[in-house]
Protein backbone atom coordinates (compact mmCIF):
# COMPACT_ATOMS: atom_id res chain seq x y z
CA UNK A 1 90.62 115.90 83.59
CA UNK A 2 93.19 116.02 86.38
CA UNK A 3 92.55 114.68 89.86
CA UNK A 4 94.43 116.52 92.59
CA UNK A 5 94.36 116.20 96.38
CA UNK A 6 92.43 119.03 97.94
CA UNK A 7 93.12 118.21 101.55
CA UNK A 8 95.82 116.16 103.20
CA UNK A 9 94.65 116.79 106.76
CA UNK A 10 94.35 113.83 109.08
CA UNK A 11 90.99 113.86 110.84
CA UNK A 12 90.59 112.33 114.29
CA UNK A 13 86.87 111.62 113.99
CA UNK A 14 84.18 111.27 111.36
CA UNK A 15 82.28 114.37 112.52
CA UNK A 16 85.26 116.62 111.70
CA UNK A 17 85.44 115.13 108.22
CA UNK A 18 81.67 115.37 107.69
CA UNK A 19 81.76 119.05 108.66
CA UNK A 20 84.33 119.72 105.92
CA UNK A 21 82.34 118.17 103.06
CA UNK A 22 80.72 120.67 100.69
CA UNK A 23 76.95 120.60 100.18
CA UNK A 24 77.00 120.73 96.37
CA UNK A 25 80.28 119.22 95.21
CA UNK A 26 81.32 115.55 95.01
CA UNK A 27 84.48 114.28 96.68
CA UNK A 28 86.58 111.14 96.87
CA UNK A 29 87.78 110.29 100.36
CA UNK A 30 90.54 107.77 101.06
CA UNK A 31 89.95 106.40 104.53
CA UNK A 32 92.06 104.17 106.73
CA UNK A 33 89.96 103.60 109.83
CA UNK A 34 90.99 101.35 112.75
CA UNK A 35 88.15 99.39 114.32
CA UNK A 36 87.59 96.36 116.49
CA UNK A 37 85.39 93.66 114.98
CA UNK A 38 82.80 91.73 116.99
CA UNK A 39 85.32 88.86 117.17
CA UNK A 40 87.70 91.18 119.03
CA UNK A 41 90.12 91.32 116.10
CA UNK A 42 91.61 94.70 115.15
CA UNK A 43 91.04 95.70 111.52
CA UNK A 44 92.25 98.76 109.61
CA UNK A 45 90.42 98.75 106.28
CA UNK A 46 91.58 101.10 103.53
CA UNK A 47 88.54 102.26 101.58
CA UNK A 48 87.54 104.78 98.96
CA UNK A 49 84.42 106.76 99.79
CA UNK A 50 82.61 108.34 96.87
CA UNK A 51 80.65 111.32 98.26
CA UNK A 52 78.07 112.39 95.68
CA UNK A 53 75.47 114.79 97.14
CA UNK A 54 72.11 114.91 95.33
CA UNK A 55 72.45 118.68 94.85
CA UNK A 56 75.62 118.54 92.71
CA UNK A 57 75.47 119.39 89.03
CA UNK A 58 74.92 116.78 86.33
CA UNK A 59 78.32 117.66 84.87
CA UNK A 60 80.08 116.92 88.18
CA UNK A 61 78.13 113.67 88.54
CA UNK A 62 79.39 112.53 85.14
CA UNK A 63 83.00 113.56 85.84
CA UNK A 64 83.13 111.77 89.16
CA UNK A 65 81.36 108.67 87.87
CA UNK A 66 83.84 108.42 85.01
CA UNK A 67 86.89 108.63 87.27
CA UNK A 68 85.66 106.42 90.12
CA UNK A 69 87.28 103.15 89.00
CA UNK A 70 90.52 104.92 88.06
CA UNK A 71 90.76 106.39 91.55
CA UNK A 72 89.92 103.05 93.14
CA UNK A 73 92.56 101.13 91.19
CA UNK A 74 95.23 103.84 91.54
CA UNK A 75 94.69 104.15 95.29
CA UNK A 76 94.51 100.36 95.71
CA UNK A 77 91.59 100.80 98.10
CA UNK A 78 90.10 97.50 99.21
CA UNK A 79 86.50 98.64 99.02
CA UNK A 80 84.34 101.37 97.51
CA UNK A 81 81.59 102.92 99.63
CA UNK A 82 79.14 105.35 98.09
CA UNK A 83 77.40 108.00 100.19
CA UNK A 84 75.20 110.95 99.30
CA UNK A 85 75.19 112.88 102.59
CA UNK A 86 77.83 113.91 105.09
CA UNK A 87 75.71 112.42 107.87
CA UNK A 88 76.36 108.94 106.47
CA UNK A 89 79.99 109.26 107.59
CA UNK A 90 78.82 109.07 111.20
CA UNK A 91 77.65 105.49 110.49
CA UNK A 92 80.77 104.45 108.59
CA UNK A 93 82.04 102.17 111.36
CA UNK A 94 78.93 99.97 111.08
CA UNK A 95 79.31 99.89 107.30
CA UNK A 96 82.98 98.89 107.59
CA UNK A 97 82.11 96.14 110.05
CA UNK A 98 79.48 94.85 107.63
CA UNK A 99 76.60 95.82 109.89
CA UNK A 100 74.88 97.97 107.27
């Protein structure tokens, strides 16, 4: 199996990114998202998002599950967040702040 970047576009908001996610195919998303914490401190976490929609095939589920830790360690992402719908990206700021 070879893992290749599909998209190198820089998105300016989560809605744009959510609109690009396919309905039936998993994706890994590397996200660097600036946010202000409740303490007023600026934080820019670098996270890996594992998008695994419930409608994807069992074969794709197995492939993505098997490569998840390899992607995480190779990318040096600080955190792994798993989502199963594009709508969950709209709430990603709360998740990153620890308000989930």
